Amino acid sequence: MHDYCGHPFQIELSRWLARQGHQVCHCYSQDIESPRGEMSRVTPGLAIEALSQGRPVPKYKLMRRSLQERQYGTLAAARVRAFHADIVLSGNAPPAIQSALQHAVRESGGAFVYWLQDIVSAVLDRVLPQRLPLAGRAIAARFRAYEYGVMKRSDAIVAISEDFVERCVREGVPREKILVQHNWAPLAEIVPTSRNNAWAEKHDLADKFVFLFSGTLGLKHNPGFLSRLAESLRERQDVVVAVVSQGLGRQWLEEEVASKKLRNLKLFDFQPFDQLSNVLGSANVLTAILEPFAGELSVPSKILSYLCAERALLAALPAENLSSRIVRGSGAGKVVSPSDVEGFIAAAKSFIDEPAQLSRCAAAGRAYAESNFDIDRIGNRFLELFRSLCRAR
């Protein structure tokens, strides 16, 4: 199992596979700035390894990042060769790393499963022409062909949304290779807590009405929604907007806090996984944002953790996004357009003014999680796929 970022639900799957009697090596990058799952607990049959090149990944410096990703791919591929895996399942990784792992497992006769969490080329199609007006489109097209080429050479693809399937098929990926399995969150590890828990008390959030965002704030997210929300509520001494994040968006918010004196906008670094239930539980409303262009190519996993926490959700998401459909369909919260910041603020204020909505949305979200995040059912779907690939090879 390779998960570049080290997210919670991937390690839950690795633990489940080990409990079924399989030998599992779970690898992730220690150099990525990302919230992580519980990596320290010992599970028989499971080896957890943090791979490191000794320097942080420069997320927003494309050339340096590309070079470092290729070097990391060599490091991860060496671990695959040493383990002699029958199956490599790899996700949250750019195509260069996926390709390196694919070649490594094929050398020993194993199968490679591409866990399709994001379509990287779809972001570059938007970003590169802006940054490189002359060559950007050509570079993006070449990268797109490379990314889908790695998918075509995979033994199977696990796509996290039905939205990814048609896009892949249009690019020549055989439909019969694709299995759709929605992401989930570890239901037994992210549990409802009291609002005034130890983490909330420690950070002066107890007895306040808290809007909280937890997770990555990158190119697919507009932190301006959080800044504007705090600005609109600055006269309310009993209301706080809390953000648990690091990186580019967090830095921008730090500048907003300083320039606009937003004392009600509280910023925190990523917290240890064993504190996640308390972090999410400190909120009255959990928030999420996603840019319009990312509607069909990204599914924010933070929303799945939010559902487990039994809190109302407020999200600015494209209507076609899977997470948007989940929040609306389950009744877990309110969703506005990612271009409608005023609608986002109005929906936030309605939660303050009509508190009966909070418990209704919170209960609906947890009920959805309990119905859909069963690790036995999910794990067996992966096992069925792995066994079919082993038989075929």
Protein backbone atom coordinates (compact mmCIF):
# COMPACT_ATOMS: atom_id res chain seq x y z
CA MET A 1 0.00 0.00 0.00
CA HIS A 2 1.40 3.35 -1.00
CA ASP A 3 -0.37 6.56 0.04
CA TYR A 4 1.83 9.55 -0.74
CA CYS A 5 0.12 11.78 1.86
CA GLY A 6 -0.59 9.29 4.66
CA HIS A 7 -4.34 9.88 5.00
CA PRO A 8 -6.44 8.16 7.70
CA PHE A 9 -8.69 5.89 5.62
CA GLN A 10 -5.84 4.33 3.66
CA ILE A 11 -4.08 3.21 6.82
CA GLU A 12 -7.42 1.85 8.07
CA LEU A 13 -7.59 -0.33 4.94
CA SER A 14 -4.02 -1.53 5.49
CA ARG A 15 -4.82 -2.50 9.09
CA TRP A 16 -7.95 -4.33 7.94
CA LEU A 17 -6.00 -6.28 5.29
CA ALA A 18 -3.39 -7.25 7.88
CA ARG A 19 -6.13 -8.48 10.22
CA GLN A 20 -7.35 -10.78 7.44
CA GLY A 21 -3.95 -12.50 7.50
CA HIS A 22 -2.13 -10.66 4.70
CA GLN A 23 1.40 -9.26 4.97
CA VAL A 24 1.06 -5.54 4.31
CA CYS A 25 3.70 -2.85 3.90
CA HIS A 26 2.18 0.64 4.11
CA CYS A 27 4.43 3.44 2.84
CA TYR A 28 3.91 7.19 2.77
CA SER A 29 6.01 10.33 2.35
CA GLN A 30 7.24 12.07 5.47
CA ASP A 31 8.11 15.13 3.36
CA ILE A 32 4.55 16.09 2.34
CA GLU A 33 2.79 18.76 4.41
CA SER A 34 -0.52 17.03 5.05
CA PRO A 35 -2.83 15.86 7.85
CA ARG A 36 -2.11 12.17 8.57
CA GLY A 37 -3.75 9.13 10.03
CA GLU A 38 -2.69 7.09 13.06
CA MET A 39 0.68 5.60 12.09
CA SER A 40 2.07 4.54 15.47
CA ARG A 41 -0.33 1.77 16.54
CA VAL A 42 1.08 -1.72 16.07
CA THR A 43 -0.93 -4.23 14.03
CA PRO A 44 0.42 -7.77 13.47
CA GLY A 45 1.25 -8.34 9.81
CA LEU A 46 1.50 -4.60 9.04
CA ALA A 47 4.74 -2.68 8.55
CA ILE A 48 4.36 1.12 8.34
CA GLU A 49 7.24 3.01 6.76
CA ALA A 50 7.71 6.75 6.35
CA LEU A 51 9.85 7.42 3.29
CA SER A 52 11.90 10.61 3.29
CA GLN A 53 14.37 12.45 1.10
CA GLY A 54 15.29 14.74 3.96
CA ARG A 55 13.63 17.89 2.60
CA PRO A 56 10.04 19.16 2.26
CA VAL A 57 8.20 18.78 -1.05
CA PRO A 58 7.96 22.26 -2.67
CA LYS A 59 4.27 21.97 -3.60
CA TYR A 60 3.98 25.17 -5.61
CA LYS A 61 7.34 25.19 -7.42
CA LEU A 62 6.52 22.94 -10.34
CA MET A 63 10.00 22.21 -11.72
CA ARG A 64 11.61 21.48 -8.35
CA ARG A 65 8.59 19.47 -7.27
CA SER A 66 8.65 17.39 -10.45
CA LEU A 67 12.32 16.52 -9.97
CA GLN A 68 11.81 15.62 -6.31
CA GLU A 69 8.81 13.44 -7.16
CA ARG A 70 10.89 11.42 -9.62
CA GLN A 71 13.58 10.94 -6.99
CA TYR A 72 10.95 9.86 -4.47
CA GLY A 73 9.57 7.42 -7.04
CA THR A 74 12.97 5.73 -7.18
CA LEU A 75 13.01 5.47 -3.38
CA ALA A 76 9.49 4.01 -3.19
CA ALA A 77 10.15 1.59 -6.07
CA ALA A 78 13.18 0.20 -4.23
CA ARG A 79 10.91 -0.57 -1.26
CA VAL A 80 8.44 -2.38 -3.55
CA ARG A 81 11.24 -4.53 -4.98
CA ALA A 82 12.48 -5.43 -1.50
CA PHE A 83 8.99 -6.42 -0.35
CA HIS A 84 8.24 -8.64 -3.40
CA ALA A 85 4.59 -7.56 -3.43
CA ASP A 86 1.86 -9.50 -5.20
CA ILE A 87 -0.17 -6.29 -5.36
CA VAL A 88 0.72 -2.62 -5.16
CA LEU A 89 -2.19 -0.27 -4.47
CA SER A 90 -1.05 3.35 -4.78
CA GLY A 91 -2.93 6.63 -4.50
CA ASN A 92 -2.55 10.36 -3.86
CA ALA A 93 0.63 10.24 -5.91
CA PRO A 94 1.56 12.07 -9.12
CA PRO A 95 2.03 10.01 -12.30
CA ALA A 96 5.84 9.88 -12.09
CA ILE A 97 5.65 8.09 -8.75
CA GLN A 98 2.82 5.84 -9.95
CA SER A 99 4.87 4.87 -12.99
CA ALA A 100 7.95 4.02 -10.89
CA LEU A 101 5.90 1.78 -8.59
CA GLN A 102 4.17 0.19 -11.57
CA HIS A 103 7.49 -0.82 -13.14
CA ALA A 104 8.84 -2.11 -9.83
CA VAL A 105 5.95 -4.48 -9.07
CA ARG A 106 5.84 -5.74 -12.65
CA GLU A 107 9.46 -6.87 -12.35
CA SER A 108 8.42 -9.43 -9.73
CA GLY A 109 5.26 -10.48 -11.59
CA GLY A 110 2.90 -8.54 -9.35
CA ALA A 111 -0.05 -6.33 -10.28
CA PHE A 112 -0.41 -2.55 -10.00
CA VAL A 113 -3.67 -0.91 -8.94
CA TYR A 114 -3.94 2.84 -9.58
CA TRP A 115 -6.03 4.39 -6.78
CA LEU A 116 -7.34 7.43 -8.64
CA GLN A 117 -7.81 10.15 -6.03
CA ASP A 118 -7.13 13.19 -8.24
CA ILE A 119 -6.62 13.86 -11.93
CA VAL A 120 -3.45 15.96 -11.82
CA SER A 121 -3.47 16.93 -15.49
CA ALA A 122 -6.87 18.59 -15.10
CA VAL A 123 -5.30 21.07 -12.66
CA LEU A 124 -2.27 21.64 -14.91
CA ASP A 125 -4.57 22.25 -17.89
CA ARG A 126 -5.77 25.28 -15.97
CA VAL A 127 -2.59 26.42 -14.22
CA LEU A 128 0.19 26.00 -16.81
CA PRO A 129 -1.26 28.21 -19.60
CA GLN A 130 -1.54 31.01 -17.04
CA ARG A 131 2.02 30.60 -15.76
CA LEU A 132 3.64 29.81 -19.12
CA PRO A 133 1.61 31.59 -21.84
CA LEU A 134 3.74 30.32 -24.74
CA ALA A 135 4.48 26.72 -23.84
CA GLY A 136 1.93 25.98 -21.10
CA ARG A 137 -0.74 24.31 -23.25
CA ALA A 138 1.76 22.03 -24.99
CA ILE A 139 3.35 20.98 -21.69
CA ALA A 140 -0.07 20.35 -20.13
CA ALA A 141 -1.13 18.21 -23.10
CA ARG A 142 2.04 16.14 -22.89
CA PHE A 143 1.56 15.64 -19.16
CA ARG A 144 -2.07 14.62 -19.73
CA ALA A 145 -1.00 11.94 -22.20
CA TYR A 146 1.61 10.70 -19.72
CA GLU A 147 -0.84 10.53 -16.79
CA TYR A 148 -3.50 8.61 -18.72
CA GLY A 149 -0.77 6.40 -20.21
CA VAL A 150 0.17 5.23 -16.70
CA MET A 151 -3.50 4.49 -16.03
CA LYS A 152 -3.81 2.48 -19.25
CA ARG A 153 -0.81 0.34 -18.28
CA SER A 154 -2.23 -0.37 -14.81
CA ASP A 155 -3.84 -3.72 -14.10
CA ALA A 156 -6.84 -1.99 -12.52
CA ILE A 157 -7.99 1.47 -11.48
CA VAL A 158 -9.98 2.25 -8.34
CA ALA A 159 -11.75 5.56 -9.02
CA ILE A 160 -13.19 7.43 -6.07
CA SER A 161 -16.09 8.93 -8.05
CA GLU A 162 -18.30 7.98 -10.98
CA ASP A 163 -17.37 11.40 -12.38
CA PHE A 164 -13.84 10.17 -13.10
CA VAL A 165 -14.92 7.22 -15.21
CA GLU A 166 -16.13 8.97 -18.37
CA ARG A 167 -13.15 11.33 -18.34
CA CYS A 168 -10.78 8.34 -18.21
CA VAL A 169 -12.66 6.44 -20.90
CA ARG A 170 -12.52 9.49 -23.21
CA GLU A 171 -8.73 9.43 -22.81
CA GLY A 172 -8.52 5.77 -23.82
CA VAL A 173 -8.56 3.99 -20.46
CA PRO A 174 -10.53 0.71 -20.84
CA ARG A 175 -13.78 0.95 -18.92
CA GLU A 176 -13.50 -2.68 -17.78
CA LYS A 177 -10.36 -1.82 -15.81
CA ILE A 178 -12.15 0.71 -13.61
CA LEU A 179 -13.79 -0.07 -10.26
CA VAL A 180 -15.61 2.78 -8.49
CA GLN A 181 -15.16 2.86 -4.72
CA HIS A 182 -16.03 6.06 -2.91
CA ASN A 183 -13.62 7.26 -0.27
CA TRP A 184 -14.62 6.97 3.37
CA ALA A 185 -13.37 7.96 6.81
CA PRO A 186 -12.45 5.67 9.74
CA LEU A 187 -15.78 5.56 11.54
CA ALA A 188 -14.44 3.97 14.73
CA GLU A 189 -11.59 6.48 15.06
CA ILE A 190 -13.37 9.77 14.32
CA VAL A 191 -16.14 9.86 16.91
CA PRO A 192 -18.58 12.51 18.15
CA THR A 193 -17.33 14.43 21.20
CA SER A 194 -18.53 17.18 23.49
CA ARG A 195 -18.27 20.70 22.11
CA ASN A 196 -16.39 21.87 25.19
CA ASN A 197 -13.74 19.16 25.03
CA ALA A 198 -10.10 19.41 26.18
CA TRP A 199 -8.83 20.72 22.81
CA ALA A 200 -11.55 23.40 22.67
CA GLU A 201 -10.79 24.45 26.24
CA LYS A 202 -7.07 24.64 25.54
CA HIS A 203 -7.55 26.92 22.52
CA ASP A 204 -10.26 29.16 23.97
CA LEU A 205 -13.01 27.81 21.71
CA ALA A 206 -15.26 26.48 24.44
CA ASP A 207 -18.54 28.36 24.91
CA LYS A 208 -18.09 30.06 21.51
CA PHE A 209 -20.01 29.42 18.30
CA VAL A 210 -17.28 27.93 16.10
CA PHE A 211 -17.06 27.58 12.32
CA LEU A 212 -14.07 25.29 11.70
CA PHE A 213 -12.12 24.33 8.59
CA SER A 214 -9.63 21.46 8.86
CA GLY A 215 -7.39 20.25 6.03
CA THR A 216 -5.38 21.35 3.02
CA LEU A 217 -5.82 24.86 1.56
CA GLY A 218 -4.20 24.62 -1.87
CA LEU A 219 -4.82 25.67 -5.46
CA LYS A 220 -8.25 24.01 -5.47
CA HIS A 221 -9.48 26.00 -2.47
CA ASN A 222 -10.32 29.69 -2.03
CA PRO A 223 -9.38 30.78 1.52
CA GLY A 224 -11.11 34.09 0.84
CA PHE A 225 -14.39 32.45 1.88
CA LEU A 226 -13.02 31.93 5.39
CA SER A 227 -11.58 35.41 5.61
CA ARG A 228 -14.82 37.02 4.44
CA LEU A 229 -16.84 34.91 6.88
CA ALA A 230 -14.67 36.09 9.78
CA GLU A 231 -14.88 39.68 8.58
CA SER A 232 -18.69 39.53 8.40
CA LEU A 233 -18.87 38.24 11.99
CA ARG A 234 -16.16 40.37 13.57
CA GLU A 235 -18.66 42.23 15.80
CA ARG A 236 -19.88 38.95 17.32
CA GLN A 237 -17.69 38.31 20.36
CA ASP A 238 -19.22 34.86 20.75
CA VAL A 239 -18.38 33.62 17.21
CA VAL A 240 -15.00 32.29 15.99
CA VAL A 241 -13.78 31.07 12.61
CA ALA A 242 -11.06 28.46 13.23
CA VAL A 243 -8.76 27.09 10.52
CA VAL A 244 -6.51 24.04 11.01
CA SER A 245 -4.16 24.02 8.05
CA GLN A 246 -0.65 24.74 6.76
CA GLY A 247 0.82 25.86 3.47
CA LEU A 248 -0.12 28.44 0.85
CA GLY A 249 -3.72 29.17 1.91
CA ARG A 250 -2.78 29.31 5.58
CA GLN A 251 -0.05 31.87 4.80
CA TRP A 252 -2.56 34.01 2.91
CA LEU A 253 -4.93 33.90 5.89
CA GLU A 254 -2.12 34.97 8.22
CA GLU A 255 -1.73 38.10 6.09
CA GLU A 256 -5.50 38.69 6.21
CA VAL A 257 -5.52 38.41 10.00
CA ALA A 258 -2.69 40.94 10.28
CA SER A 259 -3.93 43.44 7.69
CA LYS A 260 -7.62 43.37 8.71
CA LYS A 261 -7.09 42.70 12.42
CA LEU A 262 -9.39 39.67 12.33
CA ARG A 263 -9.12 38.60 15.94
CA ASN A 264 -11.98 36.16 15.45
CA LEU A 265 -10.05 34.20 12.79
CA LYS A 266 -7.97 31.64 14.69
CA LEU A 267 -5.26 29.71 12.83
CA PHE A 268 -3.79 26.37 13.94
CA ASP A 269 -1.24 23.93 12.48
CA PHE A 270 -2.24 20.40 11.50
CA GLN A 271 -3.03 18.43 14.65
CA PRO A 272 -2.08 14.84 15.54
CA PHE A 273 -4.65 12.28 14.41
CA ASP A 274 -5.45 11.26 17.97
CA GLN A 275 -6.78 14.79 18.49
CA LEU A 276 -8.91 14.90 15.34
CA SER A 277 -12.18 13.93 17.03
CA ASN A 278 -11.74 16.72 19.57
CA VAL A 279 -10.67 19.22 16.89
CA LEU A 280 -13.74 18.56 14.76
CA GLY A 281 -15.93 18.22 17.84
CA SER A 282 -14.99 21.73 18.98
CA ALA A 283 -17.02 23.15 16.06
CA ASN A 284 -20.68 23.94 15.77
CA VAL A 285 -20.32 23.97 11.98
CA LEU A 286 -17.59 22.36 9.85
CA THR A 287 -16.72 24.12 6.60
CA ALA A 288 -15.33 23.08 3.21
CA ILE A 289 -14.51 24.91 -0.02
CA LEU A 290 -13.59 23.80 -3.53
CA GLU A 291 -12.97 25.89 -6.64
CA PRO A 292 -15.36 25.54 -9.62
CA PHE A 293 -12.76 23.97 -11.96
CA ALA A 294 -12.18 21.11 -9.47
CA GLY A 295 -15.79 19.95 -9.47
CA GLU A 296 -15.25 16.74 -11.44
CA LEU A 297 -11.65 16.01 -10.53
CA SER A 298 -11.47 16.14 -6.74
CA VAL A 299 -13.50 14.84 -3.81
CA PRO A 300 -12.48 16.57 -0.55
CA SER A 301 -11.84 13.77 1.95
CA LYS A 302 -12.18 16.24 4.84
CA ILE A 303 -15.96 16.20 4.28
CA LEU A 304 -16.04 12.46 4.96
CA SER A 305 -14.26 13.01 8.28
CA TYR A 306 -16.72 15.80 9.05
CA LEU A 307 -19.65 13.40 8.61
CA CYS A 308 -18.17 11.06 11.22
CA ALA A 309 -17.81 13.91 13.72
CA GLU A 310 -21.58 14.50 13.88
CA ARG A 311 -21.49 18.23 13.17
CA ALA A 312 -23.45 20.34 10.68
CA LEU A 313 -21.64 21.10 7.42
CA LEU A 314 -21.35 24.33 5.44
CA ALA A 315 -19.70 23.97 2.04
CA ALA A 316 -18.98 26.00 -1.08
CA LEU A 317 -18.79 23.27 -3.74
CA PRO A 318 -19.62 22.82 -7.42
CA ALA A 319 -23.06 21.25 -7.72
CA GLU A 320 -21.71 18.35 -9.80
CA ASN A 321 -19.09 17.36 -7.21
CA LEU A 322 -19.65 14.04 -5.42
CA SER A 323 -19.18 15.65 -2.00
CA SER A 324 -21.82 18.24 -2.83
CA ARG A 325 -24.24 15.48 -3.77
CA ILE A 326 -23.48 13.62 -0.53
CA VAL A 327 -24.03 16.64 1.72
CA ARG A 328 -27.26 17.62 -0.03
CA GLY A 329 -28.60 14.09 -0.34
CA SER A 330 -27.88 13.12 3.26
CA GLY A 331 -29.21 16.37 4.73
CA ALA A 332 -25.89 16.88 6.56
CA GLY A 333 -25.67 20.60 5.87
CA LYS A 334 -25.86 23.46 3.40
CA VAL A 335 -24.06 23.79 0.08
CA VAL A 336 -23.64 26.98 -1.95
CA SER A 337 -21.93 27.71 -5.25
CA PRO A 338 -18.13 28.17 -5.00
CA SER A 339 -18.58 31.61 -6.57
CA ASP A 340 -21.23 32.71 -4.04
CA VAL A 341 -19.38 34.07 -1.01
CA GLU A 342 -22.41 36.11 0.07
CA GLY A 343 -24.55 32.98 -0.01
CA PHE A 344 -21.88 31.20 2.09
CA ILE A 345 -22.02 33.98 4.70
CA ALA A 346 -25.84 34.01 4.71
CA ALA A 347 -25.96 30.23 5.21
CA ALA A 348 -23.46 30.54 8.05
CA LYS A 349 -25.54 33.19 9.81
CA SER A 350 -28.67 31.08 9.41
CA PHE A 351 -26.98 28.32 11.42
CA ILE A 352 -26.35 30.84 14.23
CA ASP A 353 -29.88 32.19 14.13
CA GLU A 354 -31.66 28.83 13.80
CA PRO A 355 -29.77 26.41 16.09
CA ALA A 356 -32.33 23.63 15.60
CA GLN A 357 -30.73 23.03 12.20
CA LEU A 358 -27.42 22.09 13.81
CA SER A 359 -28.54 18.92 15.56
CA ARG A 360 -30.69 17.83 12.60
CA CYS A 361 -27.82 18.17 10.09
CA ALA A 362 -25.29 16.64 12.49
CA ALA A 363 -27.40 13.54 13.07
CA ALA A 364 -28.01 13.12 9.34
CA GLY A 365 -24.29 13.31 8.60
CA ARG A 366 -23.35 10.70 11.18
CA ALA A 367 -26.15 8.43 9.96
CA TYR A 368 -24.75 8.65 6.42
CA ALA A 369 -21.27 7.76 7.69
CA GLU A 370 -22.55 4.76 9.64
CA SER A 371 -24.41 3.49 6.58
CA ASN A 372 -21.56 3.92 4.10
CA PHE A 373 -18.20 3.66 5.88
CA ASP A 374 -18.27 -0.01 6.89
CA ILE A 375 -14.63 -1.13 6.57
CA ASP A 376 -15.57 -4.82 6.31
CA ARG A 377 -17.72 -4.19 3.25
CA ILE A 378 -15.19 -1.81 1.70
CA GLY A 379 -12.20 -4.01 2.49
CA ASN A 380 -13.82 -7.06 0.93
CA ARG A 381 -14.39 -5.13 -2.31
CA PHE A 382 -10.65 -4.43 -2.48
CA LEU A 383 -9.82 -8.05 -1.61
CA GLU A 384 -12.10 -9.34 -4.35
CA LEU A 385 -10.30 -7.12 -6.85
CA PHE A 386 -6.85 -8.21 -5.62
CA ARG A 387 -7.72 -11.91 -5.82
CA SER A 388 -9.02 -11.56 -9.37
CA LEU A 389 -5.78 -9.83 -10.40
CA CYS A 390 -3.63 -12.50 -8.76
CA ARG A 391 -5.59 -15.24 -10.53
CA ALA A 392 -5.21 -13.43 -13.86
CA ARG A 393 -1.45 -13.08 -13.45
